[in-house]
């Protein structure tokens, strides 16, 4: 299992799962996402993104749209997506990362702390209102200093063993995996039979 940058061809896959999970797709750009992938099967297990908000006082980094597919939950996938996103934020020069979510307990295990709404930078104050009116009515503001991020060892170990705990991993590749619609595609040596 590993986490890598999303590829442009994964845009449809991302949008499909974001919608199915009821996550925030505001200002969607596939290049902002990372994807967790099983090394053996190539199956995608989870995703997330950082969103940069430009302000006159400097840029603000928000962690958002984190999702783990049903069969992969409880195996450390989301934890490693969050870890990679915080690393990227640090690499981009951010000292603090914000999150607006109704599931603050999940992020708290990594060191995220709830903050008062008045402490949010301006673009995130209006973003919080939008999230509450839309996809996450229970959203609260959280933040973390990137150097305080901690990965619980149990989640690191679960991630290493993630594929072992799955019965339904398939090695079969389908035409859809390559962006081919099998109902309408023609092939070079198609005999028409």
C-alpha atoms as a PDB file:
ATOM      1  CA  UNK A   1       0.000   0.000   0.000  1.00  0.00           C
ATOM      2  CA  UNK A   2       1.309   3.455  -0.882  1.00  0.00           C
ATOM      3  CA  UNK A   3       0.037   7.016  -1.372  1.00  0.00           C
ATOM      4  CA  UNK A   4       0.828   8.924  -4.570  1.00  0.00           C
ATOM      5  CA  UNK A   5      -0.316  12.009  -6.467  1.00  0.00           C
ATOM      6  CA  UNK A   6      -3.578  11.588  -8.368  1.00  0.00           C
ATOM      7  CA  UNK A   7      -3.327  11.356 -12.130  1.00  0.00           C
ATOM      8  CA  UNK A   8      -5.461  13.362 -14.562  1.00  0.00           C
ATOM      9  CA  UNK A   9      -7.098  10.183 -15.859  1.00  0.00           C
ATOM     10  CA  UNK A  10      -8.421   9.517 -12.339  1.00  0.00           C
ATOM     11  CA  UNK A  11     -10.623  12.613 -12.379  1.00  0.00           C
ATOM     12  CA  UNK A  12     -13.819  10.679 -13.128  1.00  0.00           C
ATOM     13  CA  UNK A  13     -13.007   8.057 -10.481  1.00  0.00           C
ATOM     14  CA  UNK A  14     -12.367  10.772  -7.884  1.00  0.00           C
ATOM     15  CA  UNK A  15     -15.536  12.712  -8.700  1.00  0.00           C
ATOM     16  CA  UNK A  16     -17.605   9.532  -8.602  1.00  0.00           C
ATOM     17  CA  UNK A  17     -16.361   8.580  -5.131  1.00  0.00           C
ATOM     18  CA  UNK A  18     -16.496  12.140  -3.791  1.00  0.00           C
ATOM     19  CA  UNK A  19     -20.149  12.313  -4.792  1.00  0.00           C
ATOM     20  CA  UNK A  20     -20.944   8.824  -3.460  1.00  0.00           C
ATOM     21  CA  UNK A  21     -19.398   9.690  -0.076  1.00  0.00           C
ATOM     22  CA  UNK A  22     -21.055  13.120   0.085  1.00  0.00           C
ATOM     23  CA  UNK A  23     -17.715  14.927   0.279  1.00  0.00           C
ATOM     24  CA  UNK A  24     -16.855  18.458  -0.752  1.00  0.00           C
ATOM     25  CA  UNK A  25     -15.975  18.848  -4.435  1.00  0.00           C
ATOM     26  CA  UNK A  26     -15.756  22.663  -4.427  1.00  0.00           C
ATOM     27  CA  UNK A  27     -13.034  23.961  -6.767  1.00  0.00           C
ATOM     28  CA  UNK A  28     -12.184  20.402  -7.837  1.00  0.00           C
ATOM     29  CA  UNK A  29      -8.782  19.892  -9.457  1.00  0.00           C
ATOM     30  CA  UNK A  30      -7.492  16.326  -9.668  1.00  0.00           C
ATOM     31  CA  UNK A  31      -3.881  17.523  -9.356  1.00  0.00           C
ATOM     32  CA  UNK A  32      -4.606  18.637  -5.758  1.00  0.00           C
ATOM     33  CA  UNK A  33      -5.428  15.071  -4.698  1.00  0.00           C
ATOM     34  CA  UNK A  34      -3.439  12.106  -3.483  1.00  0.00           C
ATOM     35  CA  UNK A  35      -4.612   8.513  -3.887  1.00  0.00           C
ATOM     36  CA  UNK A  36      -3.838   5.458  -1.734  1.00  0.00           C
ATOM     37  CA  UNK A  37      -3.163   2.406  -3.900  1.00  0.00           C
ATOM     38  CA  UNK A  38      -2.661  -1.283  -3.121  1.00  0.00           C
ATOM     39  CA  UNK A  39       0.716  -2.346  -4.534  1.00  0.00           C
ATOM     40  CA  UNK A  40      -0.341  -5.877  -5.473  1.00  0.00           C
ATOM     41  CA  UNK A  41      -3.725  -5.309  -7.093  1.00  0.00           C
ATOM     42  CA  UNK A  42      -3.399  -1.662  -8.136  1.00  0.00           C
ATOM     43  CA  UNK A  43      -6.781  -1.069  -6.487  1.00  0.00           C
ATOM     44  CA  UNK A  44      -7.416   2.467  -5.268  1.00  0.00           C
ATOM     45  CA  UNK A  45      -8.336   2.556  -1.579  1.00  0.00           C
ATOM     46  CA  UNK A  46      -8.664   6.219  -0.588  1.00  0.00           C
ATOM     47  CA  UNK A  47      -7.944   9.837  -1.453  1.00  0.00           C
ATOM     48  CA  UNK A  48      -7.765  13.395  -0.118  1.00  0.00           C
ATOM     49  CA  UNK A  49      -6.590  16.856  -1.044  1.00  0.00           C
ATOM     50  CA  UNK A  50      -5.134  20.091   0.160  1.00  0.00           C
ATOM     51  CA  UNK A  51      -6.717  23.294  -1.017  1.00  0.00           C
ATOM     52  CA  UNK A  52      -4.744  26.535  -1.049  1.00  0.00           C
ATOM     53  CA  UNK A  53      -6.684  29.745  -0.413  1.00  0.00           C
ATOM     54  CA  UNK A  54      -5.006  32.963  -1.591  1.00  0.00           C
ATOM     55  CA  UNK A  55      -5.352  36.011   0.678  1.00  0.00           C
ATOM     56  CA  UNK A  56      -3.760  39.440   0.938  1.00  0.00           C
ATOM     57  CA  UNK A  57      -2.146  38.337   4.218  1.00  0.00           C
ATOM     58  CA  UNK A  58      -0.657  35.159   2.721  1.00  0.00           C
ATOM     59  CA  UNK A  59      -1.899  31.785   1.607  1.00  0.00           C
ATOM     60  CA  UNK A  60      -3.932  29.404   3.783  1.00  0.00           C
ATOM     61  CA  UNK A  61      -3.846  25.606   3.502  1.00  0.00           C
ATOM     62  CA  UNK A  62      -6.964  23.489   4.052  1.00  0.00           C
ATOM     63  CA  UNK A  63      -7.102  19.694   4.226  1.00  0.00           C
ATOM     64  CA  UNK A  64     -10.384  18.489   2.715  1.00  0.00           C
ATOM     65  CA  UNK A  65     -12.283  15.760   0.847  1.00  0.00           C
ATOM     66  CA  UNK A  66     -10.669  12.801   2.579  1.00  0.00           C
ATOM     67  CA  UNK A  67     -12.362   9.529   1.715  1.00  0.00           C
ATOM     68  CA  UNK A  68     -11.644   5.822   2.141  1.00  0.00           C
ATOM     69  CA  UNK A  69     -13.525   3.218   0.124  1.00  0.00           C
ATOM     70  CA  UNK A  70     -15.803   0.926   2.108  1.00  0.00           C
ATOM     71  CA  UNK A  71     -13.705  -2.249   1.968  1.00  0.00           C
ATOM     72  CA  UNK A  72     -10.536  -0.437   3.059  1.00  0.00           C
ATOM     73  CA  UNK A  73     -11.774   1.362   6.172  1.00  0.00           C
ATOM     74  CA  UNK A  74     -10.107   0.638   9.508  1.00  0.00           C
ATOM     75  CA  UNK A  75      -6.792  -0.265   7.860  1.00  0.00           C
ATOM     76  CA  UNK A  76      -4.863   3.000   8.198  1.00  0.00           C
ATOM     77  CA  UNK A  77      -5.530   4.192   4.649  1.00  0.00           C
ATOM     78  CA  UNK A  78      -7.066   7.524   5.687  1.00  0.00           C
ATOM     79  CA  UNK A  79      -4.262   8.100   8.181  1.00  0.00           C
ATOM     80  CA  UNK A  80      -1.640   7.811   5.482  1.00  0.00           C
ATOM     81  CA  UNK A  81      -3.578  10.049   3.136  1.00  0.00           C
ATOM     82  CA  UNK A  82      -3.684  12.694   5.894  1.00  0.00           C
ATOM     83  CA  UNK A  83       0.035  12.205   6.582  1.00  0.00           C
ATOM     84  CA  UNK A  84       0.946  12.702   2.923  1.00  0.00           C
ATOM     85  CA  UNK A  85      -1.221  15.828   2.666  1.00  0.00           C
ATOM     86  CA  UNK A  86       0.373  17.374   5.756  1.00  0.00           C
ATOM     87  CA  UNK A  87       3.824  16.559   4.298  1.00  0.00           C
ATOM     88  CA  UNK A  88       2.854  18.296   1.052  1.00  0.00           C
ATOM     89  CA  UNK A  89       1.617  21.330   2.960  1.00  0.00           C
ATOM     90  CA  UNK A  90       4.933  21.473   4.821  1.00  0.00           C
ATOM     91  CA  UNK A  91       6.849  21.136   1.536  1.00  0.00           C
ATOM     92  CA  UNK A  92       4.827  24.091   0.197  1.00  0.00           C
ATOM     93  CA  UNK A  93       5.998  26.202   3.155  1.00  0.00           C
ATOM     94  CA  UNK A  94       2.885  26.075   5.337  1.00  0.00           C
ATOM     95  CA  UNK A  95       3.399  25.938   9.096  1.00  0.00           C
ATOM     96  CA  UNK A  96      -0.290  25.395   9.858  1.00  0.00           C
ATOM     97  CA  UNK A  97      -2.917  23.247   8.152  1.00  0.00           C
ATOM     98  CA  UNK A  98      -6.647  23.737   8.741  1.00  0.00           C
ATOM     99  CA  UNK A  99      -9.557  21.332   8.412  1.00  0.00           C
ATOM    100  CA  UNK A 100     -13.303  21.967   8.551  1.00  0.00           C
ATOM    101  CA  UNK A 101     -15.061  18.750   9.491  1.00  0.00           C
ATOM    102  CA  UNK A 102     -17.746  17.202  11.630  1.00  0.00           C
ATOM    103  CA  UNK A 103     -15.405  14.275  12.350  1.00  0.00           C
ATOM    104  CA  UNK A 104     -12.845  16.092  14.470  1.00  0.00           C
ATOM    105  CA  UNK A 105     -12.138  13.031  16.630  1.00  0.00           C
ATOM    106  CA  UNK A 106     -10.537  11.267  13.680  1.00  0.00           C
ATOM    107  CA  UNK A 107      -8.103  14.125  12.993  1.00  0.00           C
ATOM    108  CA  UNK A 108      -7.450  14.668  16.730  1.00  0.00           C
ATOM    109  CA  UNK A 109      -5.473  11.419  16.880  1.00  0.00           C
ATOM    110  CA  UNK A 110      -2.848  13.045  14.622  1.00  0.00           C
ATOM    111  CA  UNK A 111      -2.574  16.235  16.669  1.00  0.00           C
ATOM    112  CA  UNK A 112      -5.294  18.407  15.105  1.00  0.00           C
ATOM    113  CA  UNK A 113      -6.999  20.625  17.697  1.00  0.00           C
ATOM    114  CA  UNK A 114     -10.309  22.389  17.593  1.00  0.00           C
ATOM    115  CA  UNK A 115      -9.991  26.147  17.374  1.00  0.00           C
ATOM    116  CA  UNK A 116     -12.454  28.980  17.796  1.00  0.00           C
ATOM    117  CA  UNK A 117     -14.107  30.139  14.590  1.00  0.00           C
ATOM    118  CA  UNK A 118     -12.724  33.633  15.177  1.00  0.00           C
ATOM    119  CA  UNK A 119      -9.191  32.198  14.826  1.00  0.00           C
ATOM    120  CA  UNK A 120      -9.872  31.010  11.278  1.00  0.00           C
ATOM    121  CA  UNK A 121      -8.336  33.051   8.466  1.00  0.00           C
ATOM    122  CA  UNK A 122     -10.988  34.942   6.476  1.00  0.00           C
ATOM    123  CA  UNK A 123     -11.400  32.598   3.490  1.00  0.00           C
ATOM    124  CA  UNK A 124     -11.973  29.658   5.838  1.00  0.00           C
ATOM    125  CA  UNK A 125     -14.640  31.486   7.839  1.00  0.00           C
ATOM    126  CA  UNK A 126     -16.842  31.755   4.758  1.00  0.00           C
ATOM    127  CA  UNK A 127     -15.837  28.224   3.720  1.00  0.00           C
ATOM    128  CA  UNK A 128     -17.019  26.920   7.106  1.00  0.00           C
ATOM    129  CA  UNK A 129     -20.411  28.540   6.569  1.00  0.00           C
ATOM    130  CA  UNK A 130     -20.655  27.003   3.088  1.00  0.00           C
ATOM    131  CA  UNK A 131     -19.744  23.548   4.385  1.00  0.00           C
ATOM    132  CA  UNK A 132     -22.329  23.779   7.161  1.00  0.00           C
ATOM    133  CA  UNK A 133     -24.998  24.805   4.647  1.00  0.00           C
ATOM    134  CA  UNK A 134     -23.957  22.031   2.253  1.00  0.00           C
ATOM    135  CA  UNK A 135     -22.108  18.759   2.776  1.00  0.00           C
ATOM    136  CA  UNK A 136     -21.233  18.894   6.495  1.00  0.00           C
ATOM    137  CA  UNK A 137     -23.721  20.641   8.833  1.00  0.00           C
ATOM    138  CA  UNK A 138     -21.649  19.623  11.898  1.00  0.00           C
ATOM    139  CA  UNK A 139     -18.342  21.025  10.591  1.00  0.00           C
ATOM    140  CA  UNK A 140     -16.025  22.634  13.139  1.00  0.00           C
ATOM    141  CA  UNK A 141     -12.627  24.276  12.578  1.00  0.00           C
ATOM    142  CA  UNK A 142      -9.453  22.354  13.413  1.00  0.00           C
ATOM    143  CA  UNK A 143      -5.796  23.142  12.904  1.00  0.00           C
ATOM    144  CA  UNK A 144      -2.374  21.603  13.354  1.00  0.00           C
ATOM    145  CA  UNK A 145       1.167  22.921  13.226  1.00  0.00           C
ATOM    146  CA  UNK A 146       2.782  20.656  10.633  1.00  0.00           C
ATOM    147  CA  UNK A 147       5.717  19.806  12.906  1.00  0.00           C
ATOM    148  CA  UNK A 148       3.264  18.479  15.541  1.00  0.00           C
ATOM    149  CA  UNK A 149       1.712  15.852  13.265  1.00  0.00           C
ATOM    150  CA  UNK A 150       1.978  12.357  14.785  1.00  0.00           C
ATOM    151  CA  UNK A 151       1.048   9.048  13.190  1.00  0.00           C
ATOM    152  CA  UNK A 152      -0.216   6.524  15.757  1.00  0.00           C
ATOM    153  CA  UNK A 153       1.875   3.337  15.436  1.00  0.00           C
ATOM    154  CA  UNK A 154      -1.248   1.141  15.256  1.00  0.00           C
ATOM    155  CA  UNK A 155      -2.341   2.973  12.091  1.00  0.00           C
ATOM    156  CA  UNK A 156       1.123   2.690  10.538  1.00  0.00           C
ATOM    157  CA  UNK A 157       1.094  -1.072  11.140  1.00  0.00           C
ATOM    158  CA  UNK A 158      -2.497  -1.464   9.889  1.00  0.00           C
ATOM    159  CA  UNK A 159      -1.513   0.293   6.655  1.00  0.00           C
ATOM    160  CA  UNK A 160       1.422  -2.071   6.123  1.00  0.00           C
ATOM    161  CA  UNK A 161      -0.884  -5.077   6.526  1.00  0.00           C
ATOM    162  CA  UNK A 162      -3.933  -3.590   4.734  1.00  0.00           C
ATOM    163  CA  UNK A 163      -4.061  -5.917   1.705  1.00  0.00           C
ATOM    164  CA  UNK A 164      -3.721  -9.016   3.923  1.00  0.00           C
ATOM    165  CA  UNK A 165      -7.028  -8.299   5.627  1.00  0.00           C
ATOM    166  CA  UNK A 166      -9.006  -8.154   2.374  1.00  0.00           C
ATOM    167  CA  UNK A 167     -10.729 -11.171   0.889  1.00  0.00           C
ATOM    168  CA  UNK A 168     -12.135  -9.464  -2.175  1.00  0.00           C
ATOM    169  CA  UNK A 169      -8.928  -8.163  -3.762  1.00  0.00           C
ATOM    170  CA  UNK A 170      -9.054  -8.914  -7.465  1.00  0.00           C
ATOM    171  CA  UNK A 171      -6.109  -9.119  -9.839  1.00  0.00           C
ATOM    172  CA  UNK A 172      -8.430  -8.917 -12.849  1.00  0.00           C
ATOM    173  CA  UNK A 173      -8.074  -5.766 -14.886  1.00  0.00           C
ATOM    174  CA  UNK A 174     -11.057  -4.567 -16.821  1.00  0.00           C
ATOM    175  CA  UNK A 175     -11.346  -2.378 -19.869  1.00  0.00           C
ATOM    176  CA  UNK A 176     -12.782   0.341 -17.626  1.00  0.00           C
ATOM    177  CA  UNK A 177      -9.496   0.405 -15.657  1.00  0.00           C
ATOM    178  CA  UNK A 178      -7.894   1.779 -18.810  1.00  0.00           C
ATOM    179  CA  UNK A 179     -10.665   4.237 -19.652  1.00  0.00           C
ATOM    180  CA  UNK A 180     -12.199   2.010 -22.340  1.00  0.00           C
ATOM    181  CA  UNK A 181     -15.947   1.668 -22.742  1.00  0.00           C
ATOM    182  CA  UNK A 182     -16.280  -2.025 -23.725  1.00  0.00           C
ATOM    183  CA  UNK A 183     -19.726  -1.466 -25.239  1.00  0.00           C
ATOM    184  CA  UNK A 184     -18.607   1.084 -27.815  1.00  0.00           C
ATOM    185  CA  UNK A 185     -14.867   0.435 -28.308  1.00  0.00           C
ATOM    186  CA  UNK A 186     -13.530  -1.030 -31.525  1.00  0.00           C
ATOM    187  CA  UNK A 187     -10.222  -2.777 -31.768  1.00  0.00           C
ATOM    188  CA  UNK A 188      -7.612  -2.905 -34.500  1.00  0.00           C
ATOM    189  CA  UNK A 189      -8.151  -6.587 -35.207  1.00  0.00           C
ATOM    190  CA  UNK A 190     -11.888  -6.670 -34.478  1.00  0.00           C
ATOM    191  CA  UNK A 191     -13.454  -9.157 -36.901  1.00  0.00           C
ATOM    192  CA  UNK A 192     -16.984  -8.078 -36.079  1.00  0.00           C
ATOM    193  CA  UNK A 193     -17.985 -11.454 -34.623  1.00  0.00           C
END
